[in-house]
Amino acid sequence: MNWLKNIIFFSKKNINIHSRWKSKLSLIMLSLIPINIINKYPVKSYPISEQVAFCENHASSRIPFNDPDYLKNYDIVYHYCMKEIKKQIVKLSYEKERGELSPIKRKEMKNKLLNISSEKKSKCTETKKELSPGFFICDLVMGKGRTASESDYVFVEYIGENLRGIEFDSSYGRPSFFPFTIGEGRVIKGWDQGLKNMKEGGIRKLIIPPELAYGSQNKGDKIPPNSTLIFLVHLLKVN
C-alpha cells in the first residue's frame, strides 16, 4: 500500500462528537472538503482492496465510537471517501494521458482559446441564450463528445474576466485543468447551471449576473460587490 503514503487527509485533527447535531455538522463539513491524492507517478487504477482498506481506516478515524449514529455516519464517510478516490484516480489517469505541459504550452493553449473567442464573436451574438434574467450563454464551438449533465465529474479549462475585460482567474495559470462535479455546489451557481448540456470539446461563453456568482461579496479589486462575470469555458472531458 505504498500509494497510501501519498494521500493527505483534509484534516489531521480528531473529530470529537458528543451529540447528534455535532455529528451532522461534521458530516456536512466533510461533504465540502475532498480527500486529496498526491502521486508523482499516476496510474489508471489502484487495487480495489487498497481503496477499501484506506476508506475503512479513514471512516473509522473520523467517527468516534461514542457517536450515537456511529454505523450510519461511518457508512456516509466511507462511501464519500470511495467516491472521492475514484474521481481522483480518473483525474490522475487523464493527466497522465495528456502528459506534462510546460508553462509555455499552457500559455499557447490559453492564447488559442482567446483567439477562438475573438474569431467567433459574431457567432456568439447569433447563438446567445438567456437562461434567466441577466444570465446568458453562447456556444462558440459545438462539441461532439459526451453531454455534461447533473452529477457528472468534468474537466475544464477556463478564463474569467469582469465586465471591464480584466482577467481575474484562469486555469491556464496552473499546471493542469480544473475538475469539479456539476451540481455539488463547489463552484458558483452560474457554472453549475451554465455547463449543463455542453458536449465534450465544446467552448462556451458564460455571462453570469451577481446573484449567480459572488453576489454582494467583495472578492478584491477585480471582483467588487455585485459583479457580473464573464467566463470562456472549454469542456475537455465528461466522466
Protein backbone atom coordinates (compact mmCIF):
# COMPACT_ATOMS: atom_id res chain seq x y z
CA MET A 1 0.00 0.00 0.00
CA ASN A 2 2.81 2.42 -0.78
CA TRP A 3 0.41 4.67 -2.65
CA LEU A 4 -1.42 5.36 0.57
CA LYS A 5 1.59 7.34 1.76
CA ASN A 6 0.75 9.87 -0.94
CA ILE A 7 -2.74 10.53 0.39
CA ILE A 8 -3.30 13.58 2.57
CA PHE A 9 -6.29 13.81 4.88
CA PHE A 10 -8.25 17.04 4.70
CA SER A 11 -7.55 17.47 8.41
CA LYS A 12 -5.25 15.86 10.95
CA LYS A 13 -7.42 16.84 13.89
CA ASN A 14 -9.51 14.19 15.54
CA ILE A 15 -13.23 14.82 15.35
CA ASN A 16 -14.79 14.92 18.80
CA ILE A 17 -18.51 14.39 18.51
CA HIS A 18 -20.59 14.21 21.67
CA SER A 19 -24.06 14.82 20.26
CA ARG A 20 -26.15 14.18 17.17
CA TRP A 21 -26.04 17.77 15.92
CA LYS A 22 -22.26 17.90 16.15
CA SER A 23 -22.07 14.67 14.18
CA LYS A 24 -24.30 16.04 11.43
CA LEU A 25 -22.34 19.28 11.31
CA SER A 26 -19.07 17.36 10.88
CA LEU A 27 -20.57 15.33 8.04
CA ILE A 28 -21.74 18.49 6.30
CA MET A 29 -18.20 19.90 6.55
CA LEU A 30 -16.83 16.60 5.27
CA SER A 31 -19.01 16.77 2.16
CA LEU A 32 -17.47 20.13 1.26
CA ILE A 33 -13.83 19.11 1.52
CA PRO A 34 -12.43 16.48 -0.89
CA ILE A 35 -9.83 13.89 0.03
CA ASN A 36 -6.67 14.65 -1.88
CA ILE A 37 -4.42 12.08 -3.52
CA ILE A 38 -0.92 13.19 -4.47
CA ASN A 39 1.07 10.82 -6.64
CA LYS A 40 4.19 11.58 -8.70
CA TYR A 41 3.58 8.56 -10.89
CA PRO A 42 -0.17 8.40 -11.59
CA VAL A 43 -1.57 5.17 -12.98
CA LYS A 44 -5.04 4.27 -14.23
CA SER A 45 -6.17 2.40 -11.13
CA TYR A 46 -5.28 1.08 -7.73
CA PRO A 47 -6.34 -2.33 -6.39
CA ILE A 48 -9.88 -2.11 -5.05
CA SER A 49 -8.71 -3.84 -1.87
CA GLU A 50 -6.36 -0.91 -1.14
CA GLN A 51 -9.11 1.62 -1.81
CA VAL A 52 -11.47 -0.21 0.55
CA ALA A 53 -8.83 -0.56 3.27
CA PHE A 54 -7.92 3.11 3.05
CA CYS A 55 -11.55 4.30 3.24
CA GLU A 56 -12.35 1.93 6.11
CA ASN A 57 -9.44 3.37 8.06
CA HIS A 58 -10.41 6.90 7.07
CA ALA A 59 -14.03 6.44 8.20
CA SER A 60 -13.11 4.78 11.49
CA SER A 61 -10.67 7.60 12.28
CA ARG A 62 -13.26 10.31 11.51
CA ILE A 63 -16.22 8.96 13.50
CA PRO A 64 -15.73 8.30 17.25
CA PHE A 65 -17.22 5.17 18.77
CA ASN A 66 -19.36 7.17 21.21
CA ASP A 67 -21.29 8.73 18.32
CA PRO A 68 -24.91 7.54 18.80
CA ASP A 69 -25.24 7.24 14.99
CA TYR A 70 -21.85 5.60 14.51
CA LEU A 71 -22.84 2.97 11.92
CA LYS A 72 -24.88 5.39 9.84
CA ASN A 73 -22.22 8.11 9.86
CA TYR A 74 -19.39 5.63 9.29
CA ASP A 75 -21.23 4.45 6.18
CA ILE A 76 -21.64 8.03 4.93
CA VAL A 77 -17.96 8.86 5.39
CA TYR A 78 -16.83 5.54 3.87
CA HIS A 79 -18.89 5.95 0.69
CA TYR A 80 -17.86 9.60 0.38
CA CYS A 81 -14.22 8.53 0.59
CA MET A 82 -14.65 5.84 -2.07
CA LYS A 83 -16.35 8.28 -4.41
CA GLU A 84 -13.60 10.88 -3.99
CA ILE A 85 -10.84 8.34 -4.57
CA LYS A 86 -12.47 7.10 -7.78
CA LYS A 87 -12.83 10.67 -9.06
CA GLN A 88 -9.21 11.49 -8.34
CA ILE A 89 -7.98 8.28 -9.98
CA VAL A 90 -9.84 9.34 -13.12
CA LYS A 91 -8.22 12.78 -12.88
CA LEU A 92 -4.73 11.34 -12.44
CA SER A 93 -5.28 9.00 -15.37
CA TYR A 94 -6.37 11.84 -17.66
CA GLU A 95 -3.44 13.98 -16.58
CA LYS A 96 -1.13 11.11 -17.48
CA GLU A 97 -2.77 10.78 -20.92
CA ARG A 98 -2.29 14.49 -21.59
CA GLY A 99 1.30 14.39 -20.48
CA GLU A 100 3.24 17.11 -18.72
CA LEU A 101 2.55 20.56 -20.10
CA SER A 102 5.12 23.33 -19.73
CA PRO A 103 4.17 26.91 -18.80
CA ILE A 104 4.91 27.87 -22.42
CA LYS A 105 2.50 25.22 -23.71
CA ARG A 106 -0.14 26.33 -21.20
CA LYS A 107 0.22 29.91 -22.44
CA GLU A 108 -0.16 28.75 -26.05
CA MET A 109 -3.37 26.89 -25.12
CA LYS A 110 -4.73 29.99 -23.41
CA ASN A 111 -3.96 32.21 -26.41
CA LYS A 112 -5.69 29.70 -28.69
CA LEU A 113 -8.86 29.91 -26.59
CA LEU A 114 -8.74 33.72 -26.65
CA ASN A 115 -8.27 33.71 -30.43
CA ILE A 116 -11.27 31.41 -30.89
CA SER A 117 -13.35 33.75 -28.74
CA SER A 118 -12.31 36.74 -30.85
CA GLU A 119 -12.91 34.94 -34.17
CA LYS A 120 -16.31 33.59 -33.11
CA LYS A 121 -17.63 36.83 -31.62
CA SER A 122 -20.36 37.15 -34.27
CA LYS A 123 -21.43 33.54 -33.71
CA CYS A 124 -21.89 34.31 -30.04
CA THR A 125 -24.37 37.01 -30.97
CA GLU A 126 -26.30 34.51 -33.09
CA THR A 127 -26.41 31.65 -30.55
CA LYS A 128 -26.79 33.70 -27.37
CA LYS A 129 -29.41 32.30 -24.98
CA GLU A 130 -30.78 33.85 -21.81
CA LEU A 131 -31.24 31.13 -19.21
CA SER A 132 -32.56 33.52 -16.57
CA PRO A 133 -32.63 37.33 -16.18
CA GLY A 134 -29.12 38.60 -16.94
CA PHE A 135 -27.67 35.09 -17.31
CA PHE A 136 -26.51 34.38 -20.86
CA ILE A 137 -24.65 31.56 -22.57
CA CYS A 138 -23.41 31.21 -26.12
CA ASP A 139 -21.64 28.30 -27.77
CA LEU A 140 -18.57 29.37 -29.73
CA VAL A 141 -17.68 25.79 -30.64
CA MET A 142 -20.13 22.90 -30.50
CA GLY A 143 -18.57 19.80 -29.01
CA LYS A 144 -19.08 16.30 -30.39
CA GLY A 145 -18.45 14.13 -27.34
CA ARG A 146 -20.49 13.22 -24.25
CA THR A 147 -23.03 15.71 -22.92
CA ALA A 148 -22.47 17.17 -19.46
CA SER A 149 -25.36 16.88 -17.01
CA GLU A 150 -26.12 16.98 -13.28
CA SER A 151 -23.67 14.98 -11.11
CA ASP A 152 -21.14 14.49 -13.92
CA TYR A 153 -17.47 14.87 -12.99
CA VAL A 154 -16.00 17.19 -15.64
CA PHE A 155 -12.59 18.57 -16.61
CA VAL A 156 -12.46 22.11 -17.98
CA GLU A 157 -10.11 24.91 -18.92
CA TYR A 158 -11.35 28.45 -18.40
CA ILE A 159 -10.61 32.17 -18.39
CA GLY A 160 -12.58 34.54 -16.17
CA GLU A 161 -12.95 38.28 -16.76
CA ASN A 162 -15.02 41.10 -15.33
CA LEU A 163 -17.07 43.49 -17.47
CA ARG A 164 -14.05 45.77 -17.83
CA GLY A 165 -12.22 42.97 -19.62
CA ILE A 166 -9.80 42.45 -16.73
CA GLU A 167 -8.86 38.82 -16.12
CA PHE A 168 -9.29 37.69 -12.53
CA ASP A 169 -8.68 33.94 -12.86
CA SER A 170 -7.62 31.26 -15.34
CA SER A 171 -6.96 27.54 -15.21
CA TYR A 172 -4.04 28.14 -17.56
CA GLY A 173 -2.16 29.83 -14.74
CA ARG A 174 -1.89 26.38 -13.13
CA PRO A 175 -0.18 23.19 -14.35
CA SER A 176 -3.43 21.39 -15.15
CA PHE A 177 -7.15 21.65 -15.91
CA PHE A 178 -9.90 22.31 -13.38
CA PRO A 179 -12.09 19.36 -12.26
CA PHE A 180 -15.45 19.58 -10.49
CA THR A 181 -18.77 17.77 -10.18
CA ILE A 182 -21.77 19.58 -11.65
CA GLY A 183 -24.44 20.31 -9.08
CA GLU A 184 -22.41 19.74 -5.91
CA GLY A 185 -22.19 23.45 -5.13
CA ARG A 186 -18.39 23.62 -5.17
CA VAL A 187 -18.45 26.28 -7.89
CA ILE A 188 -20.63 29.36 -8.35
CA LYS A 189 -24.25 28.70 -9.34
CA GLY A 190 -23.67 30.12 -12.82
CA TRP A 191 -21.17 27.34 -13.50
CA ASP A 192 -23.37 24.56 -12.14
CA GLN A 193 -26.18 25.77 -14.39
CA GLY A 194 -24.22 27.09 -17.35
CA LEU A 195 -22.19 23.99 -18.18
CA LYS A 196 -25.14 21.63 -18.42
CA ASN A 197 -25.83 20.26 -21.91
CA MET A 198 -22.34 21.18 -23.14
CA LYS A 199 -20.62 18.45 -25.15
CA GLU A 200 -17.01 17.37 -24.78
CA GLY A 201 -14.77 19.55 -26.91
CA GLY A 202 -17.19 22.46 -26.79
CA ILE A 203 -16.31 26.06 -25.94
CA ARG A 204 -18.97 28.18 -24.26
CA LYS A 205 -19.11 31.76 -23.08
CA LEU A 206 -20.95 32.42 -19.82
CA ILE A 207 -22.19 35.86 -18.77
CA ILE A 208 -23.12 35.41 -15.13
CA PRO A 209 -25.04 38.01 -13.08
CA PRO A 210 -24.04 38.71 -9.45
CA GLU A 211 -26.79 36.58 -7.92
CA LEU A 212 -25.36 33.50 -9.66
CA ALA A 213 -21.75 34.48 -8.95
CA TYR A 214 -20.47 36.11 -5.75
CA GLY A 215 -23.40 38.45 -5.05
CA SER A 216 -22.54 41.26 -2.66
CA GLN A 217 -19.26 39.65 -1.56
CA ASN A 218 -16.10 41.67 -2.11
CA LYS A 219 -13.54 39.46 -3.85
CA GLY A 220 -10.97 42.19 -4.37
CA ASP A 221 -10.38 44.96 -6.87
CA LYS A 222 -11.08 42.72 -9.87
CA ILE A 223 -14.37 41.37 -8.46
CA PRO A 224 -16.06 44.10 -6.40
CA PRO A 225 -19.50 43.51 -4.89
CA ASN A 226 -22.37 42.84 -7.31
CA SER A 227 -20.10 41.99 -10.24
CA THR A 228 -21.25 40.37 -13.46
CA LEU A 229 -18.61 37.85 -14.57
CA ILE A 230 -17.66 36.52 -17.99
CA PHE A 231 -16.12 33.07 -18.48
CA LEU A 232 -14.73 31.29 -21.51
CA VAL A 233 -15.02 27.58 -20.76
CA HIS A 234 -13.52 24.71 -22.77
CA LEU A 235 -15.07 21.38 -21.76
CA LEU A 236 -12.34 18.76 -22.07
CA LYS A 237 -13.92 15.62 -20.67
CA VAL A 238 -17.15 14.33 -19.12
CA ASN A 239 -16.92 11.37 -16.73
